[in-house]
């Protein structure tokens, strides 16, 4: 049945009806044009970070309006370093941010007071424990793993870095990126794309821990990702899907039933977000069935990924939307054409959020007259 274009009216209607809304957004290729694909000779990771895409002020305004609306939890996720992500969104107070695919995170402000402060001493065996980010220059950011667990990364990082350094020297214009959770060979600025792709496939085979006798990473707790112009080795317990699930679970832990999710991305790393939302939906339905909640049996949440276009009508939608930018094979349920359509959708949702907020205020009882009478009595 394939993938179909996202119906903005359906999204807006479900958004309006929902009491707890969660929005996850990739950055490059989703909120802003992906400049990583622009051919430009570069010499270092520092120079690469100086050519970051700028976010449209209208997009930032829409995000702020959505963040300000009480039922909404908005989080942006990127593979970039936390300093870069913070630079992009520091002007949007309250928004959640995940850097390096979730290795570093700053949860939405509405969740922060109740975020547990895990440490390696209190939970040494928890692979996804949230600990203070080592050496973090940005206040409030947390590291997904404990310092004890971080110490075990040095062996595989040394091997991966040494191999990728050879490839960076071999292919002019490619660079090596050393992040907290991963090592990346980035060739997005190299013009000979086809040749680079063949070289990248070779590198991927050497780094794949399941690659057999040729693999240099065999036995290490890592995985390899080959995306748009990069080959990346990272901890296997760190990805955008894990970050998304942590946030969803925390919202539920605060006794809030989630009835709207919008998740938009464009790259291979974003497919893990769609998986996480689908798994969350399935788990929620299973819990509902176990509790024999007959009133909710009509909400078949797990069908949102596999629905045909004909089935997806107004009476049978879960309110959970996974969306990829550009029509292509994806685990997402829907697609939008480009970054412009993402911006258009966010503007519509922001407008709806403002209307809902005004509606809530207008429906509140007017106490001003009573207060005035009390004041008159106290003056007399």
Foldseek 3Di string as FASTA:
>chain_A
DAFAADDLVLLQVLLLPWQAEEEEAEPDFAQFDNCLQAADFDDAPVVVLVPDTAGDVLLLVLLLLQQPQVRYAAEYEYLADPVSQCVRNVVRPQHKYAYNQNQKIQGGPVLVVPDDADACVVPVPDQQHWYCDPPDPDPRITGRGYPVVLVVCPPLVVVLVVVLVVVPVVQRRWYWDDDSFKIKTFQSNGPVVVVVVVVLVVSQLCPALPNPPSHPCPPPQWHWDDKRRMIMIGHPCGHNLNNLLVNVVSCVVVVDDYQAYEYEEAMPSSLSVLVSLLVVQVVVVVVCVVVVVVVCPQANRNCQQVDDPVVPDSSHYRNYFYEHAPRDDGSGNHYHPGNVVSSVSSSSNSVSSVVSVVVVVVPDDDCPVVVVVVVVVVVD
